[in-house]
Structures are given as C-alpha cells and as structure tokens.
N, C-alpha and C. Protein backbone atom coordinates (compact mmCIF):
# COMPACT_ATOMS: atom_id res chain seq x y z
N MET A 1 -81.98 71.78 -2.86
CA MET A 1 -82.28 72.92 -3.72
C MET A 1 -82.63 72.39 -5.11
N GLY A 2 -83.66 72.93 -5.77
CA GLY A 2 -84.10 72.48 -7.09
C GLY A 2 -83.17 72.93 -8.19
N GLU A 3 -83.44 72.44 -9.39
CA GLU A 3 -82.62 72.79 -10.55
C GLU A 3 -82.64 74.29 -10.83
N GLU A 4 -83.79 74.94 -10.61
CA GLU A 4 -83.87 76.37 -10.90
C GLU A 4 -82.88 77.13 -10.03
N GLY A 5 -82.84 76.80 -8.74
CA GLY A 5 -81.93 77.47 -7.82
C GLY A 5 -80.48 77.18 -8.12
N SER A 6 -80.18 75.95 -8.53
CA SER A 6 -78.79 75.61 -8.81
C SER A 6 -78.28 76.34 -10.04
N ALA A 7 -79.17 76.61 -11.02
CA ALA A 7 -78.75 77.35 -12.21
C ALA A 7 -78.36 78.77 -11.85
N GLN A 8 -79.03 79.35 -10.87
CA GLN A 8 -78.72 80.72 -10.46
C GLN A 8 -77.35 80.81 -9.79
N LEU A 9 -76.89 79.71 -9.20
CA LEU A 9 -75.62 79.71 -8.50
C LEU A 9 -74.49 79.08 -9.32
N CYS A 10 -74.78 78.62 -10.52
CA CYS A 10 -73.78 77.94 -11.36
C CYS A 10 -72.73 78.93 -11.83
N LYS A 11 -71.48 78.64 -11.50
CA LYS A 11 -70.38 79.54 -11.87
C LYS A 11 -70.22 79.64 -13.38
N LEU A 12 -70.45 78.54 -14.12
CA LEU A 12 -70.32 78.60 -15.58
C LEU A 12 -71.46 79.39 -16.22
N CYS A 13 -72.65 79.29 -15.64
CA CYS A 13 -73.77 80.08 -16.16
C CYS A 13 -73.49 81.57 -16.00
N GLU A 14 -72.78 81.94 -14.94
CA GLU A 14 -72.41 83.34 -14.73
C GLU A 14 -71.48 83.85 -15.84
N TYR A 15 -70.74 82.93 -16.45
CA TYR A 15 -69.81 83.29 -17.52
C TYR A 15 -70.46 83.25 -18.90
N ALA A 16 -71.75 82.96 -18.98
CA ALA A 16 -72.44 82.87 -20.27
C ALA A 16 -72.19 84.14 -21.09
N GLY A 17 -71.84 83.94 -22.33
CA GLY A 17 -71.56 85.08 -23.21
C GLY A 17 -70.14 85.61 -23.11
N ASN A 18 -69.32 84.98 -22.29
CA ASN A 18 -67.93 85.39 -22.15
C ASN A 18 -67.22 85.24 -23.50
N ASP A 19 -66.55 86.28 -23.94
CA ASP A 19 -65.89 86.26 -25.24
C ASP A 19 -64.45 85.76 -25.19
N ASP A 20 -63.96 85.39 -24.03
CA ASP A 20 -62.58 84.93 -23.90
C ASP A 20 -62.41 83.64 -24.71
N TYR A 21 -61.50 83.68 -25.67
CA TYR A 21 -61.28 82.55 -26.57
C TYR A 21 -60.90 81.29 -25.81
N LYS A 22 -60.00 81.39 -24.88
CA LYS A 22 -59.53 80.22 -24.13
C LYS A 22 -60.67 79.62 -23.32
N PHE A 23 -61.49 80.46 -22.71
CA PHE A 23 -62.64 79.98 -21.94
C PHE A 23 -63.60 79.21 -22.85
N GLN A 24 -63.93 79.78 -23.99
CA GLN A 24 -64.84 79.12 -24.93
C GLN A 24 -64.25 77.81 -25.45
N GLU A 25 -62.97 77.79 -25.68
CA GLU A 25 -62.29 76.57 -26.14
C GLU A 25 -62.42 75.46 -25.10
N ILE A 26 -62.25 75.79 -23.85
CA ILE A 26 -62.37 74.81 -22.77
C ILE A 26 -63.80 74.29 -22.68
N ILE A 27 -64.78 75.18 -22.74
CA ILE A 27 -66.19 74.78 -22.65
C ILE A 27 -66.60 73.95 -23.87
N ASN A 28 -66.17 74.36 -25.05
CA ASN A 28 -66.52 73.63 -26.27
C ASN A 28 -65.91 72.23 -26.31
N PHE A 29 -64.85 72.01 -25.56
CA PHE A 29 -64.21 70.70 -25.51
C PHE A 29 -65.21 69.61 -25.14
N VAL A 30 -66.07 69.88 -24.19
CA VAL A 30 -67.06 68.89 -23.76
C VAL A 30 -68.00 68.55 -24.91
N HIS A 31 -68.51 69.56 -25.60
CA HIS A 31 -69.45 69.33 -26.69
C HIS A 31 -68.79 68.61 -27.86
N GLU A 32 -67.57 68.98 -28.15
CA GLU A 32 -66.87 68.40 -29.30
C GLU A 32 -66.48 66.95 -29.08
N HIS A 33 -66.36 66.53 -27.84
CA HIS A 33 -65.89 65.17 -27.56
C HIS A 33 -66.91 64.30 -26.83
N SER A 34 -68.14 64.77 -26.71
CA SER A 34 -69.15 64.01 -25.95
C SER A 34 -69.48 62.66 -26.57
N HIS A 35 -69.21 62.51 -27.86
CA HIS A 35 -69.46 61.21 -28.51
C HIS A 35 -68.30 60.24 -28.31
N GLU A 36 -67.19 60.72 -27.78
CA GLU A 36 -66.00 59.89 -27.64
C GLU A 36 -65.72 59.43 -26.22
N ALA A 37 -66.24 60.16 -25.23
CA ALA A 37 -65.92 59.85 -23.83
C ALA A 37 -67.12 60.15 -22.94
N HIS A 38 -67.11 59.54 -21.77
CA HIS A 38 -68.17 59.75 -20.79
C HIS A 38 -68.12 61.19 -20.27
N ILE A 39 -69.26 61.76 -20.01
CA ILE A 39 -69.37 63.15 -19.55
C ILE A 39 -68.53 63.41 -18.30
N ASP A 40 -68.45 62.44 -17.38
CA ASP A 40 -67.67 62.65 -16.15
C ASP A 40 -66.18 62.79 -16.44
N GLY A 41 -65.67 62.01 -17.39
CA GLY A 41 -64.26 62.13 -17.77
C GLY A 41 -63.97 63.47 -18.43
N LEU A 42 -64.88 63.91 -19.27
CA LEU A 42 -64.72 65.21 -19.93
C LEU A 42 -64.76 66.33 -18.89
N CYS A 43 -65.68 66.21 -17.95
CA CYS A 43 -65.80 67.24 -16.90
C CYS A 43 -64.54 67.28 -16.03
N ALA A 44 -63.94 66.13 -15.77
CA ALA A 44 -62.71 66.10 -14.97
C ALA A 44 -61.58 66.85 -15.70
N GLN A 45 -61.51 66.68 -17.02
CA GLN A 45 -60.50 67.40 -17.79
C GLN A 45 -60.77 68.90 -17.80
N VAL A 46 -62.02 69.28 -18.00
CA VAL A 46 -62.40 70.69 -18.01
C VAL A 46 -62.18 71.30 -16.62
N GLN A 47 -62.45 70.54 -15.59
CA GLN A 47 -62.27 71.02 -14.21
C GLN A 47 -60.82 71.47 -14.01
N ARG A 48 -59.87 70.66 -14.43
CA ARG A 48 -58.45 71.02 -14.29
C ARG A 48 -58.11 72.27 -15.09
N GLN A 49 -58.62 72.34 -16.31
CA GLN A 49 -58.32 73.49 -17.16
C GLN A 49 -58.91 74.78 -16.59
N LEU A 50 -60.13 74.73 -16.11
CA LEU A 50 -60.76 75.92 -15.53
C LEU A 50 -60.02 76.38 -14.29
N ARG A 51 -59.56 75.42 -13.49
CA ARG A 51 -58.80 75.76 -12.28
C ARG A 51 -57.47 76.42 -12.66
N GLU A 52 -56.76 75.84 -13.62
CA GLU A 52 -55.44 76.34 -13.99
C GLU A 52 -55.51 77.66 -14.75
N GLU A 53 -56.44 77.79 -15.66
CA GLU A 53 -56.50 78.97 -16.52
C GLU A 53 -57.27 80.15 -15.92
N PHE A 54 -58.31 79.84 -15.11
CA PHE A 54 -59.20 80.90 -14.64
C PHE A 54 -59.41 80.90 -13.13
N ALA A 55 -58.69 80.05 -12.40
CA ALA A 55 -58.84 79.92 -10.95
C ALA A 55 -60.31 79.70 -10.57
N LEU A 56 -61.01 78.94 -11.40
CA LEU A 56 -62.42 78.65 -11.21
C LEU A 56 -62.54 77.23 -10.63
N GLU A 57 -63.02 77.15 -9.40
CA GLU A 57 -63.15 75.87 -8.71
C GLU A 57 -64.58 75.35 -8.82
N MET A 58 -64.74 74.19 -9.46
CA MET A 58 -66.04 73.52 -9.56
C MET A 58 -65.82 72.02 -9.46
N SER A 59 -66.77 71.33 -8.86
CA SER A 59 -66.67 69.87 -8.78
C SER A 59 -67.08 69.27 -10.13
N VAL A 60 -66.71 68.02 -10.34
CA VAL A 60 -67.13 67.31 -11.55
C VAL A 60 -68.65 67.27 -11.61
N GLU A 61 -69.31 67.07 -10.49
CA GLU A 61 -70.77 67.01 -10.46
C GLU A 61 -71.38 68.37 -10.85
N GLU A 62 -70.80 69.46 -10.38
CA GLU A 62 -71.30 70.79 -10.77
C GLU A 62 -71.14 71.01 -12.27
N LEU A 63 -70.01 70.59 -12.81
CA LEU A 63 -69.77 70.73 -14.25
C LEU A 63 -70.75 69.86 -15.03
N ARG A 64 -70.93 68.63 -14.57
CA ARG A 64 -71.87 67.71 -15.24
C ARG A 64 -73.27 68.32 -15.25
N THR A 65 -73.71 68.86 -14.12
CA THR A 65 -75.03 69.50 -14.03
C THR A 65 -75.12 70.66 -15.01
N HIS A 66 -74.07 71.45 -15.10
CA HIS A 66 -74.08 72.58 -16.04
C HIS A 66 -74.28 72.10 -17.47
N PHE A 67 -73.47 71.13 -17.89
CA PHE A 67 -73.52 70.70 -19.29
C PHE A 67 -74.80 69.95 -19.64
N LEU A 68 -75.34 69.17 -18.72
CA LEU A 68 -76.52 68.37 -19.02
C LEU A 68 -77.84 69.06 -18.69
N ASN A 69 -77.84 69.94 -17.69
CA ASN A 69 -79.10 70.54 -17.25
C ASN A 69 -79.21 72.04 -17.50
N HIS A 70 -78.10 72.74 -17.56
CA HIS A 70 -78.16 74.19 -17.77
C HIS A 70 -77.90 74.53 -19.24
N LYS A 71 -76.79 74.07 -19.76
CA LYS A 71 -76.41 74.40 -21.14
C LYS A 71 -77.27 73.61 -22.12
N CYS A 72 -77.52 72.34 -21.84
CA CYS A 72 -78.40 71.48 -22.64
C CYS A 72 -78.04 71.42 -24.12
N ASP A 73 -76.75 71.36 -24.42
CA ASP A 73 -76.33 71.16 -25.81
C ASP A 73 -76.88 69.83 -26.28
N GLN A 74 -77.57 69.83 -27.41
CA GLN A 74 -78.27 68.65 -27.88
C GLN A 74 -77.35 67.44 -28.03
N LYS A 75 -76.20 67.62 -28.62
CA LYS A 75 -75.28 66.50 -28.83
C LYS A 75 -74.81 65.92 -27.50
N THR A 76 -74.46 66.78 -26.58
CA THR A 76 -73.96 66.32 -25.28
C THR A 76 -75.05 65.55 -24.54
N VAL A 77 -76.25 66.08 -24.52
CA VAL A 77 -77.35 65.42 -23.82
C VAL A 77 -77.71 64.09 -24.48
N LEU A 78 -77.82 64.07 -25.81
CA LEU A 78 -78.18 62.83 -26.50
C LEU A 78 -77.12 61.74 -26.32
N ASN A 79 -75.85 62.12 -26.37
CA ASN A 79 -74.80 61.12 -26.15
C ASN A 79 -74.87 60.57 -24.72
N ASN A 80 -75.19 61.42 -23.77
CA ASN A 80 -75.33 60.96 -22.39
C ASN A 80 -76.54 60.03 -22.24
N VAL A 81 -77.64 60.36 -22.90
CA VAL A 81 -78.85 59.51 -22.86
C VAL A 81 -78.52 58.13 -23.43
N ILE A 82 -77.80 58.10 -24.54
CA ILE A 82 -77.42 56.81 -25.13
C ILE A 82 -76.60 56.00 -24.13
N ARG A 83 -75.64 56.63 -23.49
CA ARG A 83 -74.81 55.91 -22.51
C ARG A 83 -75.63 55.38 -21.34
N GLU A 84 -76.67 56.10 -20.96
CA GLU A 84 -77.55 55.64 -19.88
C GLU A 84 -78.46 54.50 -20.33
N LEU A 85 -78.89 54.52 -21.59
CA LEU A 85 -79.83 53.51 -22.09
C LEU A 85 -79.18 52.16 -22.38
N VAL A 86 -77.95 52.15 -22.80
CA VAL A 86 -77.31 50.89 -23.20
C VAL A 86 -77.33 49.85 -22.08
N PRO A 87 -76.94 50.17 -20.84
CA PRO A 87 -77.04 49.15 -19.78
C PRO A 87 -78.48 48.71 -19.50
N MET A 88 -79.43 49.64 -19.64
CA MET A 88 -80.83 49.29 -19.42
C MET A 88 -81.31 48.30 -20.47
N ILE A 89 -80.87 48.48 -21.69
CA ILE A 89 -81.25 47.58 -22.77
C ILE A 89 -80.71 46.18 -22.52
N SER A 90 -79.51 46.10 -21.97
CA SER A 90 -78.95 44.79 -21.63
C SER A 90 -79.82 44.07 -20.60
N VAL A 91 -80.32 44.81 -19.63
CA VAL A 91 -81.20 44.22 -18.61
C VAL A 91 -82.50 43.75 -19.26
N LEU A 92 -83.06 44.58 -20.17
CA LEU A 92 -84.28 44.19 -20.87
C LEU A 92 -84.07 42.91 -21.67
N LYS A 93 -82.93 42.80 -22.32
CA LYS A 93 -82.62 41.62 -23.13
C LYS A 93 -82.60 40.36 -22.26
N GLN A 94 -82.03 40.47 -21.08
CA GLN A 94 -81.96 39.32 -20.18
C GLN A 94 -83.35 38.85 -19.76
N GLY A 95 -84.31 39.76 -19.72
CA GLY A 95 -85.67 39.40 -19.32
C GLY A 95 -86.54 38.87 -20.44
N CYS A 96 -85.98 38.78 -21.65
CA CYS A 96 -86.77 38.33 -22.80
C CYS A 96 -87.01 36.83 -22.81
N SER A 97 -86.15 36.08 -22.18
CA SER A 97 -86.32 34.63 -22.23
C SER A 97 -85.88 34.01 -20.91
N MET A 98 -86.38 32.79 -20.71
CA MET A 98 -85.95 32.02 -19.54
C MET A 98 -85.96 30.56 -19.93
N THR A 99 -85.09 29.83 -19.29
CA THR A 99 -85.01 28.40 -19.56
C THR A 99 -85.59 27.65 -18.37
N GLN A 100 -86.50 26.75 -18.68
CA GLN A 100 -87.15 25.97 -17.64
C GLN A 100 -87.25 24.53 -18.13
N ASP A 101 -86.72 23.62 -17.34
CA ASP A 101 -86.72 22.20 -17.68
C ASP A 101 -86.11 21.95 -19.06
N GLY A 102 -85.02 22.68 -19.36
CA GLY A 102 -84.32 22.48 -20.63
C GLY A 102 -84.98 23.14 -21.83
N THR A 103 -86.08 23.85 -21.61
CA THR A 103 -86.79 24.52 -22.69
C THR A 103 -86.68 26.03 -22.51
N THR A 104 -86.32 26.71 -23.57
CA THR A 104 -86.23 28.17 -23.53
C THR A 104 -87.57 28.76 -23.95
N ILE A 105 -88.08 29.65 -23.11
CA ILE A 105 -89.36 30.31 -23.37
C ILE A 105 -89.09 31.79 -23.58
N VAL A 106 -89.64 32.34 -24.66
CA VAL A 106 -89.48 33.76 -24.97
C VAL A 106 -90.74 34.49 -24.56
N ASP A 107 -90.56 35.58 -23.81
CA ASP A 107 -91.68 36.42 -23.39
C ASP A 107 -91.91 37.48 -24.47
N PRO A 108 -93.00 37.38 -25.22
CA PRO A 108 -93.22 38.30 -26.35
C PRO A 108 -93.30 39.78 -25.93
N LYS A 109 -93.90 40.05 -24.77
CA LYS A 109 -94.00 41.45 -24.32
C LYS A 109 -92.62 42.01 -23.99
N ALA A 110 -91.81 41.22 -23.30
CA ALA A 110 -90.46 41.67 -22.96
C ALA A 110 -89.62 41.83 -24.22
N LEU A 111 -89.79 40.91 -25.17
CA LEU A 111 -89.04 40.99 -26.43
C LEU A 111 -89.42 42.25 -27.19
N ASN A 112 -90.71 42.57 -27.24
CA ASN A 112 -91.15 43.79 -27.93
C ASN A 112 -90.60 45.04 -27.24
N MET A 113 -90.58 45.04 -25.91
CA MET A 113 -90.03 46.19 -25.18
C MET A 113 -88.54 46.34 -25.50
N TYR A 114 -87.83 45.23 -25.53
CA TYR A 114 -86.40 45.24 -25.86
C TYR A 114 -86.19 45.79 -27.27
N LEU A 115 -86.93 45.26 -28.24
CA LEU A 115 -86.77 45.70 -29.63
C LEU A 115 -87.14 47.17 -29.80
N ASP A 116 -88.18 47.62 -29.13
CA ASP A 116 -88.56 49.04 -29.19
C ASP A 116 -87.46 49.92 -28.60
N SER A 117 -86.85 49.46 -27.52
CA SER A 117 -85.76 50.23 -26.91
C SER A 117 -84.56 50.32 -27.83
N VAL A 118 -84.24 49.21 -28.49
CA VAL A 118 -83.13 49.21 -29.45
C VAL A 118 -83.43 50.19 -30.58
N LYS A 119 -84.67 50.18 -31.06
CA LYS A 119 -85.06 51.12 -32.13
C LYS A 119 -84.89 52.57 -31.69
N GLN A 120 -85.24 52.87 -30.45
CA GLN A 120 -85.12 54.23 -29.95
C GLN A 120 -83.65 54.67 -29.89
N VAL A 121 -82.80 53.77 -29.44
CA VAL A 121 -81.37 54.10 -29.38
C VAL A 121 -80.83 54.29 -30.79
N MET A 122 -81.22 53.42 -31.71
CA MET A 122 -80.78 53.57 -33.10
C MET A 122 -81.26 54.89 -33.68
N SER A 123 -82.47 55.29 -33.31
CA SER A 123 -83.00 56.57 -33.76
C SER A 123 -82.15 57.74 -33.25
N LEU A 124 -81.70 57.65 -32.01
CA LEU A 124 -80.83 58.69 -31.46
C LEU A 124 -79.50 58.74 -32.23
N PHE A 125 -78.94 57.56 -32.51
CA PHE A 125 -77.70 57.51 -33.28
C PHE A 125 -77.90 58.13 -34.67
N LYS A 126 -79.00 57.81 -35.33
CA LYS A 126 -79.28 58.36 -36.66
C LYS A 126 -79.44 59.87 -36.59
N HIS A 127 -80.10 60.34 -35.54
CA HIS A 127 -80.29 61.78 -35.38
C HIS A 127 -78.93 62.48 -35.23
N LEU A 128 -78.06 61.91 -34.41
CA LEU A 128 -76.73 62.49 -34.23
C LEU A 128 -75.95 62.48 -35.54
N GLU A 129 -76.07 61.40 -36.30
CA GLU A 129 -75.36 61.31 -37.59
C GLU A 129 -75.91 62.34 -38.58
N THR A 130 -77.22 62.53 -38.58
CA THR A 130 -77.84 63.54 -39.45
C THR A 130 -77.33 64.93 -39.08
N MET A 131 -77.19 65.19 -37.80
CA MET A 131 -76.67 66.48 -37.35
C MET A 131 -75.24 66.66 -37.86
N ARG A 132 -74.42 65.61 -37.78
CA ARG A 132 -73.04 65.69 -38.26
C ARG A 132 -72.99 66.00 -39.75
N GLN A 133 -73.81 65.26 -40.52
CA GLN A 133 -73.81 65.40 -41.97
C GLN A 133 -74.35 66.75 -42.42
N SER A 134 -75.25 67.34 -41.64
CA SER A 134 -75.82 68.63 -42.03
C SER A 134 -74.89 69.79 -41.73
N GLY A 135 -73.77 69.48 -41.08
CA GLY A 135 -72.80 70.52 -40.80
C GLY A 135 -73.04 71.24 -39.49
N ARG A 136 -74.04 70.81 -38.72
CA ARG A 136 -74.27 71.43 -37.43
C ARG A 136 -73.14 71.04 -36.50
N ARG A 137 -72.81 71.91 -35.58
CA ARG A 137 -71.73 71.65 -34.63
C ARG A 137 -72.14 70.49 -33.74
N VAL A 138 -71.57 69.32 -34.05
CA VAL A 138 -71.87 68.14 -33.23
C VAL A 138 -70.58 67.50 -32.79
C-alpha cells in the first residue's frame, strides 16, 4: 500500500486536532526531543504512553511513519535526515583515498563529493540552530 493509503489508515492522523492536553503532550515529546535521540527510541517511548493513556495500539514503525511522513514536522525530519547522512559521509570519506605501494593517492572527485556532503550536513545544523534562535518550536 502506498503512502497515501497508509495516511488514511493512520490512527494518529485520525486524532489530528485533538485538544486533549495529555495527548498533545505525548505527541509533542517526539518533536521536542528529536535532536537528542533517534526517532525509533522516541517512538518506543510514545508507543508505551499512547497504550497506557489512550489504549491506542501502534507499532514503532507506524509511529515512525506518522512522524516522518504524515506529520512532517521540520525539526523531526531534518534531525532524522542528519542521522541518516552521517554514516553515508563516513563511507564517502573512506573512498577519498587509497594506498598503493606505500603511496597514498587522493581521488579529487570523491574528496569533492565528501566535502560537499559535509557542507550540506553543516547547512542542516545551521538551519536547525537558526530555527532555535528565532524562537520557533524546535
């Protein structure tokens, strides 16, 4: 089933606009802490709270899909993108040079790709910091 269909069946999307303070507090927990912990860990905590407080059963994967694909809170998504990019950048770095017969050779194209990737991640960090400083809920 595609993303469009899954959004129609998402239990949290059905609660959109719910004014219950406790419910909103649980949902906001993910957004408020997305810079401190991995999305899956946050979803596991929210999963327990939703089950205990509202008898709402959802898997960690369903919660993750909601927060990253349905709700699309900018801070949550950007923090997740950064977490996904960091291991990729490490792989790019490893491809920048090779040692052959005791001589290290640097591949300029791979080095440029690595440096460009680092710049993009730094740009995301700066964007998140600007959001924090401007007083936006981040």
